[in-house]
Amino acid sequence: MKIVLLGPPGAGKGTQSQMLVKTFNFLQISTGDILRDAVKNKTELGEKAKMYMDKGELVPDEIIISLIEDIIYKNNKKDMNIIFDGFPRTVVQAQGLEKLMENYSDRLDAVVSMNVKDEILISRLTSRRICPTCNTVYNLITTPPKNDEICDYDGTRLIQRDDDKLETVRNRLKVYREQTEALVDFYKKIGILKEVNAECKPEEVFKNIVKALGLNS
């Protein structure tokens, strides 16, 4: 089974992907993680992507498509259950992903749209902190560390990513609303869109997704 988790920044796509991976043995393809790794390692693609990511803009399609092809099809992972987390974000990207999958006689089974209001998203994102050592993610409101902005596991001081700062968050949401919401109609016409409420606790969101996909946990 191959699915897309669709939703604005802060909707919880990463969290839900991890829960699906743990429960149903999916392979998570998180373009955000892939790109951040490339930036951290200062690869050629990473340096190009960083210019866009720092401004909260979308990374060019050809970079993402190439990464996906390498990870899934050139590494013989076609037959695995896969979650696309954070991609596609535009209709053009969706068409590019469709074309890529068709080239390998593959297809998407479902697209889950995680719906959350902007004011909730802004609160979630600006409260997010990350441990730069072990990459554990915290939220100062919902899942704070035991000690003030210190990682529970290794004592490292937590950081706020540049793309989680207020001005960039607002721009990220603006970009999403302008470019990504058309995907809802795109996948609705294809007949594989599943809409879920993602404003509740992660466990409840997970139940909503499992039900929408017809999975048995």
C-alpha atoms as a PDB file:
ATOM      1  CA  MET A   1       0.000   0.000   0.000  1.00  0.00           C
ATOM      2  CA  LYS A   2       1.281   3.465  -0.899  1.00  0.00           C
ATOM      3  CA  ILE A   3      -0.327   6.530   0.645  1.00  0.00           C
ATOM      4  CA  VAL A   4       0.175  10.292   0.907  1.00  0.00           C
ATOM      5  CA  LEU A   5      -0.396  12.250   4.113  1.00  0.00           C
ATOM      6  CA  LEU A   6      -1.576  15.654   2.944  1.00  0.00           C
ATOM      7  CA  GLY A   7      -1.857  18.664   5.232  1.00  0.00           C
ATOM      8  CA  PRO A   8      -0.395  22.059   6.139  1.00  0.00           C
ATOM      9  CA  PRO A   9       2.832  22.505   8.133  1.00  0.00           C
ATOM     10  CA  GLY A  10       2.127  21.537  11.736  1.00  0.00           C
ATOM     11  CA  ALA A  11      -0.774  19.206  10.930  1.00  0.00           C
ATOM     12  CA  GLY A  12       1.162  16.302  12.434  1.00  0.00           C
ATOM     13  CA  LYS A  13       2.083  14.402   9.290  1.00  0.00           C
ATOM     14  CA  GLY A  14       5.429  13.325  10.715  1.00  0.00           C
ATOM     15  CA  THR A  15       3.907  12.104  13.968  1.00  0.00           C
ATOM     16  CA  GLN A  16       1.190  10.138  12.203  1.00  0.00           C
ATOM     17  CA  SER A  17       3.713   8.685   9.759  1.00  0.00           C
ATOM     18  CA  GLN A  18       5.777   7.371  12.667  1.00  0.00           C
ATOM     19  CA  MET A  19       2.688   5.802  14.256  1.00  0.00           C
ATOM     20  CA  LEU A  20       1.764   4.110  10.977  1.00  0.00           C
ATOM     21  CA  VAL A  21       5.331   2.882  10.560  1.00  0.00           C
ATOM     22  CA  LYS A  22       5.337   1.368  14.047  1.00  0.00           C
ATOM     23  CA  THR A  23       1.878  -0.202  13.785  1.00  0.00           C
ATOM     24  CA  PHE A  24       1.737  -1.305  10.145  1.00  0.00           C
ATOM     25  CA  ASN A  25       5.409  -1.476   9.116  1.00  0.00           C
ATOM     26  CA  PHE A  26       5.256   1.305   6.527  1.00  0.00           C
ATOM     27  CA  LEU A  27       8.384   2.911   5.097  1.00  0.00           C
ATOM     28  CA  GLN A  28       8.195   6.666   5.717  1.00  0.00           C
ATOM     29  CA  ILE A  29       9.423   8.902   2.915  1.00  0.00           C
ATOM     30  CA  SER A  30       9.688  12.309   4.580  1.00  0.00           C
ATOM     31  CA  THR A  31      10.953  14.841   2.077  1.00  0.00           C
ATOM     32  CA  GLY A  32      11.530  17.319   4.902  1.00  0.00           C
ATOM     33  CA  ASP A  33      13.879  14.915   6.677  1.00  0.00           C
ATOM     34  CA  ILE A  34      15.593  13.963   3.440  1.00  0.00           C
ATOM     35  CA  LEU A  35      16.216  17.583   2.541  1.00  0.00           C
ATOM     36  CA  ARG A  36      17.362  18.554   6.054  1.00  0.00           C
ATOM     37  CA  ASP A  37      19.850  15.673   5.952  1.00  0.00           C
ATOM     38  CA  ALA A  38      21.119  16.932   2.615  1.00  0.00           C
ATOM     39  CA  VAL A  39      21.470  20.449   4.046  1.00  0.00           C
ATOM     40  CA  LYS A  40      23.244  19.131   7.157  1.00  0.00           C
ATOM     41  CA  ASN A  41      25.656  17.115   5.004  1.00  0.00           C
ATOM     42  CA  LYS A  42      26.155  20.110   2.687  1.00  0.00           C
ATOM     43  CA  THR A  43      25.525  18.099  -0.454  1.00  0.00           C
ATOM     44  CA  GLU A  44      25.017  19.883  -3.748  1.00  0.00           C
ATOM     45  CA  LEU A  45      21.251  19.315  -3.541  1.00  0.00           C
ATOM     46  CA  GLY A  46      21.286  20.350   0.092  1.00  0.00           C
ATOM     47  CA  GLU A  47      22.938  23.680  -0.630  1.00  0.00           C
ATOM     48  CA  LYS A  48      20.375  24.424  -3.329  1.00  0.00           C
ATOM     49  CA  ALA A  49      17.468  23.358  -1.115  1.00  0.00           C
ATOM     50  CA  LYS A  50      18.654  25.447   1.851  1.00  0.00           C
ATOM     51  CA  MET A  51      18.067  28.702  -0.001  1.00  0.00           C
ATOM     52  CA  TYR A  52      14.381  27.837  -0.371  1.00  0.00           C
ATOM     53  CA  MET A  53      13.872  26.197   3.032  1.00  0.00           C
ATOM     54  CA  ASP A  54      15.324  29.143   4.972  1.00  0.00           C
ATOM     55  CA  LYS A  55      12.701  31.416   3.398  1.00  0.00           C
ATOM     56  CA  GLY A  56       9.856  28.949   3.912  1.00  0.00           C
ATOM     57  CA  GLU A  57       9.519  28.394   0.181  1.00  0.00           C
ATOM     58  CA  LEU A  58       8.970  25.108  -1.633  1.00  0.00           C
ATOM     59  CA  VAL A  59      12.012  23.240  -2.908  1.00  0.00           C
ATOM     60  CA  PRO A  60      11.970  22.775  -6.743  1.00  0.00           C
ATOM     61  CA  ASP A  61      10.135  19.681  -7.939  1.00  0.00           C
ATOM     62  CA  GLU A  62      13.009  18.104  -9.829  1.00  0.00           C
ATOM     63  CA  ILE A  63      15.081  17.859  -6.641  1.00  0.00           C
ATOM     64  CA  ILE A  64      12.329  16.034  -4.755  1.00  0.00           C
ATOM     65  CA  ILE A  65      11.372  13.694  -7.600  1.00  0.00           C
ATOM     66  CA  SER A  66      15.001  12.646  -8.072  1.00  0.00           C
ATOM     67  CA  LEU A  67      15.349  11.893  -4.357  1.00  0.00           C
ATOM     68  CA  ILE A  68      12.159   9.809  -4.350  1.00  0.00           C
ATOM     69  CA  GLU A  69      13.200   7.809  -7.391  1.00  0.00           C
ATOM     70  CA  ASP A  70      16.587   7.053  -5.851  1.00  0.00           C
ATOM     71  CA  ILE A  71      15.158   6.022  -2.482  1.00  0.00           C
ATOM     72  CA  ILE A  72      12.294   3.806  -3.654  1.00  0.00           C
ATOM     73  CA  TYR A  73      12.926   2.491  -7.118  1.00  0.00           C
ATOM     74  CA  LYS A  74      16.696   2.505  -7.481  1.00  0.00           C
ATOM     75  CA  ASN A  75      17.036   0.880  -4.046  1.00  0.00           C
ATOM     76  CA  ASN A  76      14.491  -1.877  -4.774  1.00  0.00           C
ATOM     77  CA  LYS A  77      11.842  -0.742  -2.258  1.00  0.00           C
ATOM     78  CA  LYS A  78       8.935  -0.710  -4.706  1.00  0.00           C
ATOM     79  CA  ASP A  79       7.134  -3.618  -3.022  1.00  0.00           C
ATOM     80  CA  MET A  80       7.150  -2.050   0.448  1.00  0.00           C
ATOM     81  CA  ASN A  81       4.236  -0.240   2.127  1.00  0.00           C
ATOM     82  CA  ILE A  82       5.150   3.438   1.783  1.00  0.00           C
ATOM     83  CA  ILE A  83       3.969   6.729   3.268  1.00  0.00           C
ATOM     84  CA  PHE A  84       4.793   9.958   1.456  1.00  0.00           C
ATOM     85  CA  ASP A  85       5.103  12.605   4.173  1.00  0.00           C
ATOM     86  CA  GLY A  86       5.192  16.213   2.954  1.00  0.00           C
ATOM     87  CA  PHE A  87       5.047  15.444  -0.771  1.00  0.00           C
ATOM     88  CA  PRO A  88       3.438  16.204  -3.149  1.00  0.00           C
ATOM     89  CA  ARG A  89       2.519  19.785  -2.269  1.00  0.00           C
ATOM     90  CA  THR A  90       1.287  21.009  -5.641  1.00  0.00           C
ATOM     91  CA  VAL A  91      -0.734  19.552  -8.508  1.00  0.00           C
ATOM     92  CA  VAL A  92       2.371  19.682 -10.705  1.00  0.00           C
ATOM     93  CA  GLN A  93       4.261  17.629  -8.115  1.00  0.00           C
ATOM     94  CA  ALA A  94       1.343  15.191  -7.886  1.00  0.00           C
ATOM     95  CA  GLN A  95       1.429  14.762 -11.646  1.00  0.00           C
ATOM     96  CA  GLY A  96       5.197  14.275 -11.485  1.00  0.00           C
ATOM     97  CA  LEU A  97       4.814  11.613  -8.796  1.00  0.00           C
ATOM     98  CA  GLU A  98       2.102   9.875 -10.822  1.00  0.00           C
ATOM     99  CA  LYS A  99       4.350   9.824 -13.890  1.00  0.00           C
ATOM    100  CA  LEU A 100       7.301   8.505 -11.870  1.00  0.00           C
ATOM    101  CA  MET A 101       5.187   5.720 -10.357  1.00  0.00           C
ATOM    102  CA  GLU A 102       3.647   4.813 -13.711  1.00  0.00           C
ATOM    103  CA  ASN A 103       7.154   4.413 -15.128  1.00  0.00           C
ATOM    104  CA  TYR A 104       7.632   1.620 -12.588  1.00  0.00           C
ATOM    105  CA  SER A 105       4.074   0.192 -12.974  1.00  0.00           C
ATOM    106  CA  ASP A 106       3.151   1.569  -9.553  1.00  0.00           C
ATOM    107  CA  ARG A 107       0.402   3.813  -8.121  1.00  0.00           C
ATOM    108  CA  LEU A 108      -0.982   5.526  -5.004  1.00  0.00           C
ATOM    109  CA  ASP A 109      -3.719   3.746  -3.062  1.00  0.00           C
ATOM    110  CA  ALA A 110      -4.993   6.644  -0.917  1.00  0.00           C
ATOM    111  CA  VAL A 111      -4.381  10.272   0.035  1.00  0.00           C
ATOM    112  CA  VAL A 112      -5.251  11.339   3.588  1.00  0.00           C
ATOM    113  CA  SER A 113      -6.023  15.054   4.010  1.00  0.00           C
ATOM    114  CA  MET A 114      -5.300  16.144   7.605  1.00  0.00           C
ATOM    115  CA  ASN A 115      -7.447  19.211   8.315  1.00  0.00           C
ATOM    116  CA  VAL A 116      -6.371  21.825  10.929  1.00  0.00           C
ATOM    117  CA  LYS A 117      -7.221  25.544  11.361  1.00  0.00           C
ATOM    118  CA  ASP A 118      -4.414  28.087  10.837  1.00  0.00           C
ATOM    119  CA  GLU A 119      -4.469  29.481  14.395  1.00  0.00           C
ATOM    120  CA  ILE A 120      -3.857  25.998  15.792  1.00  0.00           C
ATOM    121  CA  LEU A 121      -1.057  25.394  13.292  1.00  0.00           C
ATOM    122  CA  ILE A 122       0.733  28.632  14.208  1.00  0.00           C
ATOM    123  CA  SER A 123       0.593  27.758  17.906  1.00  0.00           C
ATOM    124  CA  ARG A 124       1.922  24.269  17.262  1.00  0.00           C
ATOM    125  CA  LEU A 125       4.783  25.299  14.994  1.00  0.00           C
ATOM    126  CA  THR A 126       6.125  28.273  16.941  1.00  0.00           C
ATOM    127  CA  SER A 127       6.122  26.113  20.099  1.00  0.00           C
ATOM    128  CA  ARG A 128       8.145  23.304  18.494  1.00  0.00           C
ATOM    129  CA  ARG A 129      11.715  22.653  19.656  1.00  0.00           C
ATOM    130  CA  ILE A 130      14.236  20.055  18.463  1.00  0.00           C
ATOM    131  CA  CYS A 131      17.276  18.445  20.063  1.00  0.00           C
ATOM    132  CA  PRO A 132      20.184  19.024  17.651  1.00  0.00           C
ATOM    133  CA  THR A 133      21.963  15.946  19.038  1.00  0.00           C
ATOM    134  CA  CYS A 134      19.335  13.168  18.976  1.00  0.00           C
ATOM    135  CA  ASN A 135      16.657  14.920  16.829  1.00  0.00           C
ATOM    136  CA  THR A 136      13.907  14.374  19.432  1.00  0.00           C
ATOM    137  CA  VAL A 137      11.015  16.774  18.764  1.00  0.00           C
ATOM    138  CA  TYR A 138       9.226  18.573  21.603  1.00  0.00           C
ATOM    139  CA  ASN A 139       6.351  21.036  21.801  1.00  0.00           C
ATOM    140  CA  LEU A 140       6.473  23.568  24.643  1.00  0.00           C
ATOM    141  CA  ILE A 141       2.664  23.409  24.930  1.00  0.00           C
ATOM    142  CA  THR A 142       1.691  19.786  24.318  1.00  0.00           C
ATOM    143  CA  THR A 143       4.870  17.724  24.837  1.00  0.00           C
ATOM    144  CA  PRO A 144       7.385  19.887  26.747  1.00  0.00           C
ATOM    145  CA  PRO A 145      10.735  18.601  28.053  1.00  0.00           C
ATOM    146  CA  LYS A 146      11.032  17.919  31.797  1.00  0.00           C
ATOM    147  CA  ASN A 147      13.493  20.790  32.199  1.00  0.00           C
ATOM    148  CA  ASP A 148      13.170  24.181  30.496  1.00  0.00           C
ATOM    149  CA  GLU A 149      14.192  23.696  26.847  1.00  0.00           C
ATOM    150  CA  ILE A 150      16.676  20.906  27.715  1.00  0.00           C
ATOM    151  CA  CYS A 151      16.502  17.470  26.033  1.00  0.00           C
ATOM    152  CA  ASP A 152      15.249  14.737  28.353  1.00  0.00           C
ATOM    153  CA  TYR A 153      17.619  12.184  26.823  1.00  0.00           C
ATOM    154  CA  ASP A 154      21.029  13.817  26.476  1.00  0.00           C
ATOM    155  CA  GLY A 155      20.820  17.205  28.218  1.00  0.00           C
ATOM    156  CA  THR A 156      21.396  19.204  25.027  1.00  0.00           C
ATOM    157  CA  ARG A 157      19.777  22.636  24.846  1.00  0.00           C
ATOM    158  CA  LEU A 158      16.865  22.544  22.426  1.00  0.00           C
ATOM    159  CA  ILE A 159      16.710  24.747  19.347  1.00  0.00           C
ATOM    160  CA  GLN A 160      13.972  26.296  17.251  1.00  0.00           C
ATOM    161  CA  ARG A 161      14.336  25.630  13.539  1.00  0.00           C
ATOM    162  CA  ASP A 162      14.449  28.738  11.362  1.00  0.00           C
ATOM    163  CA  ASP A 163      11.348  27.524   9.513  1.00  0.00           C
ATOM    164  CA  ASP A 164       9.405  27.333  12.826  1.00  0.00           C
ATOM    165  CA  LYS A 165       9.832  31.037  13.631  1.00  0.00           C
ATOM    166  CA  LEU A 166       6.650  33.147  13.455  1.00  0.00           C
ATOM    167  CA  GLU A 167       7.348  35.121  10.276  1.00  0.00           C
ATOM    168  CA  THR A 168       8.458  32.019   8.373  1.00  0.00           C
ATOM    169  CA  VAL A 169       5.518  29.973   9.720  1.00  0.00           C
ATOM    170  CA  ARG A 170       3.055  32.531   8.386  1.00  0.00           C
ATOM    171  CA  ASN A 171       4.780  32.452   4.999  1.00  0.00           C
ATOM    172  CA  ARG A 172       4.781  28.635   4.977  1.00  0.00           C
ATOM    173  CA  LEU A 173       1.032  28.585   5.607  1.00  0.00           C
ATOM    174  CA  LYS A 174       0.455  31.235   2.941  1.00  0.00           C
ATOM    175  CA  VAL A 175       2.445  29.176   0.433  1.00  0.00           C
ATOM    176  CA  TYR A 176       0.485  26.073   1.426  1.00  0.00           C
ATOM    177  CA  ARG A 177      -2.914  27.703   1.014  1.00  0.00           C
ATOM    178  CA  GLU A 178      -1.932  29.199  -2.340  1.00  0.00           C
ATOM    179  CA  GLN A 179      -0.246  26.181  -3.888  1.00  0.00           C
ATOM    180  CA  THR A 180      -1.216  22.994  -2.059  1.00  0.00           C
ATOM    181  CA  GLU A 181      -4.943  23.114  -1.374  1.00  0.00           C
ATOM    182  CA  ALA A 182      -5.648  22.443  -5.056  1.00  0.00           C
ATOM    183  CA  LEU A 183      -4.388  18.925  -4.347  1.00  0.00           C
ATOM    184  CA  VAL A 184      -7.583  18.238  -2.427  1.00  0.00           C
ATOM    185  CA  ASP A 185      -9.637  18.690  -5.585  1.00  0.00           C
ATOM    186  CA  PHE A 186      -7.041  16.852  -7.680  1.00  0.00           C
ATOM    187  CA  TYR A 187      -7.146  13.700  -5.564  1.00  0.00           C
ATOM    188  CA  LYS A 188     -10.873  14.006  -4.939  1.00  0.00           C
ATOM    189  CA  LYS A 189     -11.465  13.797  -8.695  1.00  0.00           C
ATOM    190  CA  ILE A 190      -9.222  10.730  -8.897  1.00  0.00           C
ATOM    191  CA  GLY A 191     -11.296   9.185  -6.114  1.00  0.00           C
ATOM    192  CA  ILE A 192      -8.573   8.373  -3.566  1.00  0.00           C
ATOM    193  CA  LEU A 193      -8.943  11.309  -1.121  1.00  0.00           C
ATOM    194  CA  LYS A 194      -9.751  10.583   2.550  1.00  0.00           C
ATOM    195  CA  GLU A 195     -10.377  13.625   4.812  1.00  0.00           C
ATOM    196  CA  VAL A 196      -9.786  13.459   8.579  1.00  0.00           C
ATOM    197  CA  ASN A 197      -9.959  15.858  11.533  1.00  0.00           C
ATOM    198  CA  ALA A 198      -6.379  16.413  12.771  1.00  0.00           C
ATOM    199  CA  GLU A 199      -7.098  19.015  15.471  1.00  0.00           C
ATOM    200  CA  CYS A 200      -7.429  16.429  18.269  1.00  0.00           C
ATOM    201  CA  LYS A 201      -4.765  14.518  20.195  1.00  0.00           C
ATOM    202  CA  PRO A 202      -2.338  12.419  18.105  1.00  0.00           C
ATOM    203  CA  GLU A 203      -3.898   9.151  19.299  1.00  0.00           C
ATOM    204  CA  GLU A 204      -7.343  10.264  18.141  1.00  0.00           C
ATOM    205  CA  VAL A 205      -5.977  11.494  14.816  1.00  0.00           C
ATOM    206  CA  PHE A 206      -4.343   8.103  14.345  1.00  0.00           C
ATOM    207  CA  LYS A 207      -7.666   6.339  14.928  1.00  0.00           C
ATOM    208  CA  ASN A 208      -9.279   8.642  12.350  1.00  0.00           C
ATOM    209  CA  ILE A 209      -6.597   7.804   9.778  1.00  0.00           C
ATOM    210  CA  VAL A 210      -6.709   4.055  10.420  1.00  0.00           C
ATOM    211  CA  LYS A 211     -10.492   4.104   9.999  1.00  0.00           C
ATOM    212  CA  ALA A 212     -10.284   6.178   6.798  1.00  0.00           C
ATOM    213  CA  LEU A 213      -7.750   3.748   5.297  1.00  0.00           C
ATOM    214  CA  GLY A 214      -9.711   0.676   6.350  1.00  0.00           C
ATOM    215  CA  LEU A 215      -6.773  -0.723   8.299  1.00  0.00           C
ATOM    216  CA  ASN A 216      -7.043  -3.000  11.345  1.00  0.00           C
ATOM    217  CA  SER A 217      -4.715  -2.077  14.209  1.00  0.00           C
END
